[in-house]
Amino acid sequence: MSTPINKLLLTDLASSVNHVPSNYIRPVSDRPNLVDVVHVAEGSIPLIDLQGLHGPNHSDIITQIGLACQQDGFFQVKNHGVPETNISDMLRIAREFFRLPESERLKNYSDDPSKTTRLSTSFNVRTEKVANWRDFLRLHCHPLQDFVHEWPINPPSFRKVVAEYCTSTRRLALRLLEAMSESLGLESNYIDKQLGKHGQHMAINYYPPCPEPELTYGLPGHTDVNLITILLQDDVPGLQVLRNGKWISVNPISNTFIVNVGDQMQVLSNDRYKSVLHRAVVNRDKERISIPTFYCPSPDAVIGPAAGLVDEDHPAVYRNFAYQEFYEKFWNRGLATESCFDMFMASSTQSTVDPVS
């Protein structure tokens, strides 16, 4: 078993090892078990065409989105309004960033999860016991003018490309939130109004080639703490979603996004929509890039089940809470536990609800 080399970032360690260092190796009971993963054709999760969302197909698309949120917790979208050039520029700049010299990248390094712009590795190096095979650059992106000055200045076009991409994905997020509001039978602006000043973060994830992908994870099974996630991935598979107790591989389709329900949407929908476990596995031969945009409430926004979805037959599953409280619990617990819901149950449902069934 090789000894870990003293490098802050996996990117600078991975190319020099023939075996997974011991601090990345999962216990036998907690390995990806890749032979059991279900590989299906492109239809592994619903693909929804957003063309005509504000036209003649409106009610049909709303129905499709509602069903996907209820049954899958994940769906893909095409004709989403984000320009193809914006997508290809974003993937290009991500690769360029992770190919910068180590000294240049490390200017952005921090292990403090509260920093609004930071390069780090694994998930939360302060709290976790086993490392994940991932480096990431995490950026806060809304309001853009509050954060863009903190972002890396290398590669030279980084700020321009990423700002354009953040603006495009925010427009898409707002359209999706309107559609999800309507699909729950609420006013189209209901969710928008619950989010305070709104928040938007993104991660640029870099998963280097891994000599023994069966021993480790890019990220282990987890749900997303935010409201919805809009994921862009390159052409290397890695995302897997838990469905009926089986891990399903989600194959990338170019110029589409994967959208998933986050924990706050599960709370707002009073459990109608499910925040589903998903994970990232790594590849022996190829690097992989994935870029999730996390759309979320602002820290002071109070989140709880929508009043219109609570009645005698459907009591409130969760108590009201400030998003900041949930977010801090998520980071402090790390990915060793799959979700934080148990701490936010309405007292009457505490013992009866399975949060990630």
Protein backbone atom coordinates (compact mmCIF):
# COMPACT_ATOMS: atom_id res chain seq x y z
CA MET A 1 0.00 0.00 0.00
CA SER A 2 1.59 3.30 -1.02
CA THR A 3 2.10 6.12 1.44
CA PRO A 4 0.32 9.38 0.66
CA ILE A 5 2.68 12.00 -0.71
CA ASN A 6 2.49 15.37 0.98
CA LYS A 7 0.44 17.30 -1.54
CA LEU A 8 -2.49 19.59 -0.73
CA LEU A 9 -4.36 18.73 -3.92
CA LEU A 10 -5.18 15.37 -5.44
CA THR A 11 -4.46 16.75 -8.92
CA ASP A 12 -0.77 16.97 -7.98
CA LEU A 13 -0.68 13.56 -6.33
CA ALA A 14 -2.74 11.38 -8.66
CA SER A 15 -0.35 11.28 -11.62
CA SER A 16 2.48 9.96 -9.41
CA VAL A 17 0.73 6.97 -7.80
CA ASN A 18 0.04 3.44 -9.10
CA HIS A 19 -2.24 2.55 -6.18
CA VAL A 20 -4.90 4.45 -4.28
CA PRO A 21 -3.23 5.89 -1.15
CA SER A 22 -4.53 4.39 2.10
CA ASN A 23 -6.38 7.55 3.22
CA TYR A 24 -8.64 7.29 0.11
CA ILE A 25 -9.56 3.61 0.53
CA ARG A 26 -13.11 2.94 1.70
CA PRO A 27 -13.98 0.16 4.14
CA VAL A 28 -15.05 -2.98 2.24
CA SER A 29 -18.72 -2.46 3.22
CA ASP A 30 -18.67 1.06 1.77
CA ARG A 31 -17.14 0.62 -1.68
CA PRO A 32 -18.84 1.42 -4.99
CA ASN A 33 -19.43 -2.28 -5.88
CA LEU A 34 -19.31 -1.30 -9.54
CA VAL A 35 -20.41 -4.72 -10.86
CA ASP A 36 -23.88 -4.15 -9.35
CA VAL A 37 -24.45 -0.79 -11.05
CA VAL A 38 -27.30 -0.79 -13.57
CA HIS A 39 -26.21 0.54 -16.97
CA VAL A 40 -29.20 1.47 -19.08
CA ALA A 41 -29.66 3.41 -22.29
CA GLU A 42 -30.18 7.17 -22.41
CA GLY A 43 -33.59 6.87 -20.78
CA SER A 44 -32.19 6.23 -17.31
CA ILE A 45 -33.84 9.41 -16.05
CA PRO A 46 -36.54 11.48 -17.79
CA LEU A 47 -35.41 13.85 -20.56
CA ILE A 48 -37.70 16.88 -20.69
CA ASP A 49 -37.78 19.24 -23.67
CA LEU A 50 -38.28 22.78 -22.35
CA GLN A 51 -39.11 24.13 -25.82
CA GLY A 52 -42.53 25.73 -25.49
CA LEU A 53 -42.50 25.95 -21.68
CA HIS A 54 -43.96 29.43 -22.14
CA GLY A 55 -46.05 28.41 -25.12
CA PRO A 56 -48.55 25.78 -26.24
CA ASN A 57 -46.81 22.88 -24.43
CA HIS A 58 -46.87 24.64 -21.06
CA SER A 59 -49.21 22.36 -19.11
CA ASP A 60 -47.71 19.19 -20.59
CA ILE A 61 -44.16 20.23 -19.58
CA ILE A 62 -45.35 21.21 -16.08
CA THR A 63 -46.89 17.74 -15.69
CA GLN A 64 -43.68 16.05 -16.87
CA ILE A 65 -41.59 18.07 -14.41
CA GLY A 66 -43.96 17.27 -11.55
CA LEU A 67 -43.88 13.53 -12.29
CA ALA A 68 -40.07 13.52 -12.57
CA CYS A 69 -39.69 15.34 -9.23
CA GLN A 70 -42.10 12.94 -7.55
CA GLN A 71 -40.95 9.65 -9.03
CA ASP A 72 -37.25 10.18 -9.82
CA GLY A 73 -35.97 13.29 -8.03
CA PHE A 74 -33.81 13.75 -11.15
CA PHE A 75 -34.45 14.74 -14.76
CA GLN A 76 -32.53 16.02 -17.77
CA VAL A 77 -33.45 19.08 -19.81
CA LYS A 78 -32.80 20.05 -23.42
CA ASN A 79 -33.72 23.26 -25.27
CA HIS A 80 -32.99 24.95 -21.94
CA GLY A 81 -31.87 28.34 -23.25
CA VAL A 82 -28.20 28.18 -22.19
CA PRO A 83 -26.14 28.78 -25.36
CA GLU A 84 -23.98 25.85 -26.54
CA THR A 85 -20.97 28.17 -26.80
CA ASN A 86 -21.44 29.09 -23.13
CA ILE A 87 -21.45 25.38 -22.20
CA SER A 88 -18.35 24.51 -24.24
CA ASP A 89 -16.50 27.60 -22.95
CA MET A 90 -17.31 26.62 -19.37
CA LEU A 91 -15.99 23.07 -19.78
CA ARG A 92 -12.88 24.42 -21.54
CA ILE A 93 -12.09 26.98 -18.83
CA ALA A 94 -12.58 24.32 -16.12
CA ARG A 95 -9.98 22.07 -17.79
CA GLU A 96 -7.61 24.99 -18.25
CA PHE A 97 -7.90 25.93 -14.58
CA PHE A 98 -7.01 22.44 -13.34
CA ARG A 99 -4.07 22.29 -15.77
CA LEU A 100 -2.50 25.46 -14.36
CA PRO A 101 0.77 25.02 -12.47
CA GLU A 102 0.31 23.88 -8.88
CA SER A 103 1.61 27.18 -7.46
CA GLU A 104 -0.96 29.14 -9.49
CA ARG A 105 -3.90 26.97 -8.45
CA LEU A 106 -2.88 27.01 -4.79
CA LYS A 107 -3.39 30.79 -4.63
CA ASN A 108 -7.10 29.90 -4.33
CA TYR A 109 -6.71 27.12 -1.75
CA SER A 110 -8.60 27.06 1.56
CA ASP A 111 -9.95 24.31 3.84
CA ASP A 112 -12.51 26.70 5.38
CA PRO A 113 -16.05 25.83 4.14
CA SER A 114 -17.32 29.30 5.05
CA LYS A 115 -15.12 31.00 2.43
CA THR A 116 -17.15 32.14 -0.56
CA THR A 117 -14.40 31.36 -3.10
CA ARG A 118 -12.04 28.48 -2.50
CA LEU A 119 -10.15 25.65 -4.08
CA SER A 120 -10.05 22.50 -1.98
CA THR A 121 -10.01 18.73 -2.16
CA SER A 122 -12.27 15.82 -1.18
CA PHE A 123 -15.31 17.28 0.67
CA ASN A 124 -14.51 18.77 4.08
CA VAL A 125 -10.92 17.96 4.99
CA ARG A 126 -11.45 19.29 8.52
CA THR A 127 -14.06 16.69 9.50
CA GLU A 128 -13.84 13.61 7.25
CA LYS A 129 -12.02 10.37 8.02
CA VAL A 130 -11.63 9.01 4.46
CA ALA A 131 -10.77 11.29 1.54
CA ASN A 132 -12.68 11.45 -1.75
CA TRP A 133 -10.99 11.30 -5.15
CA ARG A 134 -11.84 14.88 -6.12
CA ASP A 135 -10.53 18.43 -6.18
CA PHE A 136 -12.99 21.29 -6.51
CA LEU A 137 -13.19 25.03 -6.97
CA ARG A 138 -16.25 26.38 -5.19
CA LEU A 139 -17.64 29.81 -6.05
CA HIS A 140 -20.53 31.89 -4.77
CA CYS A 141 -22.20 33.53 -7.78
CA HIS A 142 -25.23 35.59 -6.69
CA PRO A 143 -25.36 38.53 -6.56
CA LEU A 144 -22.56 38.30 -9.13
CA GLN A 145 -21.06 41.72 -8.36
CA ASP A 146 -20.51 40.69 -4.73
CA PHE A 147 -18.26 37.74 -5.58
CA VAL A 148 -16.71 37.99 -9.05
CA HIS A 149 -13.75 40.05 -7.75
CA GLU A 150 -12.73 37.08 -5.52
CA TRP A 151 -12.59 34.57 -8.37
CA PRO A 152 -9.34 33.36 -9.96
CA ILE A 153 -7.74 35.69 -12.50
CA ASN A 154 -6.14 32.75 -14.30
CA PRO A 155 -6.90 31.53 -16.92
CA PRO A 156 -7.31 35.14 -18.14
CA SER A 157 -10.87 34.67 -19.45
CA PHE A 158 -12.01 32.77 -16.32
CA ARG A 159 -14.13 35.53 -14.77
CA LYS A 160 -15.79 36.52 -18.03
CA VAL A 161 -16.70 32.95 -19.07
CA VAL A 162 -17.88 31.88 -15.61
CA ALA A 163 -19.95 35.06 -15.07
CA GLU A 164 -21.77 34.49 -18.39
CA TYR A 165 -22.40 30.86 -17.47
CA CYS A 166 -23.68 31.76 -13.97
CA THR A 167 -26.07 34.32 -15.45
CA SER A 168 -27.44 31.80 -17.99
CA THR A 169 -27.89 29.02 -15.44
CA ARG A 170 -29.59 31.40 -13.01
CA ARG A 171 -32.16 32.27 -15.69
CA LEU A 172 -32.75 28.54 -16.22
CA ALA A 173 -33.05 27.94 -12.45
CA LEU A 174 -35.71 30.64 -12.10
CA ARG A 175 -37.74 29.16 -14.98
CA LEU A 176 -37.52 25.71 -13.42
CA LEU A 177 -38.58 27.00 -10.00
CA GLU A 178 -41.66 28.63 -11.52
CA ALA A 179 -42.51 25.35 -13.24
CA MET A 180 -41.97 23.35 -10.04
CA SER A 181 -44.17 25.78 -8.08
CA GLU A 182 -46.95 25.30 -10.60
CA SER A 183 -46.46 21.54 -10.66
CA LEU A 184 -47.13 21.50 -6.89
CA GLY A 185 -50.38 23.44 -7.43
CA LEU A 186 -48.88 26.62 -5.95
CA GLU A 187 -48.66 30.13 -7.43
CA SER A 188 -45.85 30.22 -10.00
CA ASN A 189 -43.88 32.71 -7.88
CA TYR A 190 -44.40 30.88 -4.56
CA ILE A 191 -40.96 29.26 -4.30
CA ASP A 192 -39.24 32.41 -5.58
CA LYS A 193 -40.78 34.37 -2.70
CA GLN A 194 -39.61 31.85 -0.05
CA LEU A 195 -35.91 32.21 -0.89
CA GLY A 196 -35.18 35.63 0.62
CA LYS A 197 -32.55 37.32 -1.54
CA HIS A 198 -31.71 33.96 -3.18
CA GLY A 199 -28.32 32.27 -3.27
CA GLN A 200 -26.35 30.60 -6.04
CA HIS A 201 -23.13 28.63 -5.67
CA MET A 202 -21.25 26.44 -8.10
CA ALA A 203 -18.54 23.83 -7.88
CA ILE A 204 -16.10 22.97 -10.62
CA ASN A 205 -15.28 19.35 -9.79
CA TYR A 206 -12.14 17.68 -11.12
CA TYR A 207 -11.83 13.91 -10.80
CA PRO A 208 -8.36 12.75 -11.97
CA PRO A 209 -7.87 9.26 -13.41
CA CYS A 210 -7.80 6.74 -10.55
CA PRO A 211 -5.65 3.57 -10.60
CA GLU A 212 -8.19 1.58 -8.52
CA PRO A 213 -11.65 3.10 -8.95
CA GLU A 214 -13.31 0.20 -7.11
CA LEU A 215 -11.69 1.28 -3.79
CA THR A 216 -12.83 4.89 -3.54
CA TYR A 217 -15.41 7.50 -4.55
CA GLY A 218 -15.33 10.84 -6.27
CA LEU A 219 -18.18 11.60 -3.85
CA PRO A 220 -20.08 8.96 -1.84
CA GLY A 221 -23.87 8.77 -1.75
CA HIS A 222 -25.43 12.04 -0.58
CA THR A 223 -28.37 14.34 -1.16
CA ASP A 224 -27.88 18.01 -2.07
CA VAL A 225 -28.45 20.53 0.72
CA ASN A 226 -29.80 23.26 -1.58
CA LEU A 227 -33.08 23.74 -3.47
CA ILE A 228 -32.25 22.46 -6.96
CA THR A 229 -28.98 21.54 -8.64
CA ILE A 230 -28.32 22.08 -12.35
CA LEU A 231 -25.45 19.82 -13.38
CA LEU A 232 -23.24 20.15 -16.42
CA GLN A 233 -20.90 17.22 -17.03
CA ASP A 234 -18.36 16.41 -19.71
CA ASP A 235 -18.61 13.22 -21.78
CA VAL A 236 -17.11 10.88 -19.14
CA PRO A 237 -19.75 8.98 -17.12
CA GLY A 238 -19.53 9.13 -13.34
CA LEU A 239 -22.88 10.20 -11.91
CA GLN A 240 -25.00 7.44 -10.38
CA VAL A 241 -28.48 7.81 -8.87
CA LEU A 242 -30.13 5.46 -6.36
CA ARG A 243 -33.43 4.07 -7.60
CA ASN A 244 -35.33 1.23 -5.90
CA GLY A 245 -32.21 0.23 -3.99
CA LYS A 246 -30.05 0.01 -7.15
CA TRP A 247 -27.41 2.47 -8.37
CA ILE A 248 -28.23 3.64 -11.90
CA SER A 249 -25.51 5.10 -14.11
CA VAL A 250 -26.57 8.38 -15.77
CA ASN A 251 -24.81 8.72 -19.11
CA PRO A 252 -23.95 12.24 -20.26
CA ILE A 253 -25.86 13.66 -23.26
CA SER A 254 -24.12 16.67 -24.78
CA ASN A 255 -25.76 20.09 -24.35
CA THR A 256 -28.24 18.87 -21.75
CA PHE A 257 -28.33 19.56 -18.03
CA ILE A 258 -29.22 17.18 -15.24
CA VAL A 259 -31.56 18.75 -12.69
CA ASN A 260 -32.09 17.29 -9.26
CA VAL A 261 -34.35 18.03 -6.33
CA GLY A 262 -32.41 19.20 -3.27
CA ASP A 263 -33.24 18.95 0.41
CA GLN A 264 -34.93 22.37 0.59
CA MET A 265 -37.33 21.42 -2.24
CA GLN A 266 -38.23 18.24 -0.36
CA VAL A 267 -39.04 20.40 2.69
CA LEU A 268 -41.03 23.05 0.73
CA SER A 269 -43.01 20.34 -1.05
CA ASN A 270 -43.77 18.65 2.31
CA ASP A 271 -42.18 15.42 1.03
CA ARG A 272 -44.05 15.27 -2.29
CA TYR A 273 -40.75 15.79 -4.11
CA LYS A 274 -37.76 13.71 -3.04
CA SER A 275 -34.15 14.69 -2.69
CA VAL A 276 -32.54 11.48 -3.94
CA LEU A 277 -29.20 9.90 -3.05
CA HIS A 278 -26.58 10.16 -5.78
CA ARG A 279 -22.83 9.67 -5.97
CA ALA A 280 -19.82 10.16 -8.25
CA VAL A 281 -17.55 7.26 -9.18
CA VAL A 282 -14.15 7.69 -10.81
CA ASN A 283 -12.50 6.38 -13.95
CA ARG A 284 -9.30 4.41 -14.39
CA ASP A 285 -8.26 6.02 -17.67
CA LYS A 286 -9.91 9.42 -17.94
CA GLU A 287 -10.24 12.61 -15.97
CA ARG A 288 -13.81 13.83 -15.47
CA ILE A 289 -15.21 17.32 -15.00
CA SER A 290 -18.64 18.08 -13.58
CA ILE A 291 -20.02 21.52 -12.81
CA PRO A 292 -23.04 21.65 -10.50
CA THR A 293 -24.86 24.95 -9.98
CA PHE A 294 -26.53 24.95 -6.58
CA TYR A 295 -29.56 27.23 -6.39
CA CYS A 296 -30.56 27.93 -2.81
CA PRO A 297 -32.31 30.24 -0.35
CA SER A 298 -30.30 33.09 1.14
CA PRO A 299 -28.90 32.16 4.59
CA ASP A 300 -31.57 34.11 6.52
CA ALA A 301 -34.56 32.75 4.53
CA VAL A 302 -36.96 30.69 6.65
CA ILE A 303 -37.82 27.39 4.98
CA GLY A 304 -40.72 25.09 5.85
CA PRO A 305 -43.51 23.14 4.14
CA ALA A 306 -45.72 25.31 1.91
CA ALA A 307 -48.96 26.10 3.76
CA GLY A 308 -50.96 25.08 0.67
CA LEU A 309 -49.51 21.55 0.91
CA VAL A 310 -50.34 21.01 4.59
CA ASP A 311 -53.77 19.73 5.72
CA GLU A 312 -55.27 17.11 7.99
CA ASP A 313 -54.28 14.28 5.68
CA HIS A 314 -50.83 15.76 5.00
CA PRO A 315 -49.48 17.24 8.26
CA ALA A 316 -46.25 19.25 8.13
CA VAL A 317 -43.33 16.81 8.00
CA TYR A 318 -40.72 19.46 8.86
CA ARG A 319 -40.44 22.38 11.25
CA ASN A 320 -39.56 25.85 9.97
CA PHE A 321 -35.84 26.75 10.08
CA ALA A 322 -33.37 29.29 8.76
CA TYR A 323 -31.50 27.91 5.75
CA GLN A 324 -28.19 28.88 7.40
CA GLU A 325 -28.89 26.36 10.19
CA PHE A 326 -29.46 23.49 7.76
CA TYR A 327 -26.43 24.46 5.65
CA GLU A 328 -24.06 24.53 8.64
CA LYS A 329 -25.29 21.14 9.88
CA PHE A 330 -24.70 19.71 6.39
CA TRP A 331 -21.08 20.88 6.22
CA ASN A 332 -20.28 19.89 9.79
CA ARG A 333 -21.72 16.40 9.45
CA GLY A 334 -20.00 15.85 6.14
CA LEU A 335 -20.91 13.05 3.78
CA ALA A 336 -20.48 10.33 6.40
CA THR A 337 -24.23 10.61 7.00
CA GLU A 338 -26.50 10.73 4.01
CA SER A 339 -28.82 13.58 4.99
CA CYS A 340 -29.66 16.05 7.76
CA PHE A 341 -33.44 15.68 7.69
CA ASP A 342 -33.71 13.92 11.03
CA MET A 343 -32.74 17.17 12.82
CA PHE A 344 -35.48 19.20 11.15
CA MET A 345 -38.57 17.04 11.52
CA ALA A 346 -41.78 18.43 12.96
CA SER A 347 -41.94 16.76 16.37
CA SER A 348 -45.04 14.67 15.62
CA THR A 349 -43.39 13.01 12.60
CA GLN A 350 -39.92 12.48 14.05
CA SER A 351 -40.20 8.75 14.53
CA THR A 352 -42.32 7.82 11.53
CA VAL A 353 -40.80 9.44 8.46
CA ASP A 354 -38.09 7.88 6.37
CA PRO A 355 -36.36 10.92 4.86
CA VAL A 356 -34.76 9.26 1.84
CA SER A 357 -37.05 6.36 1.00
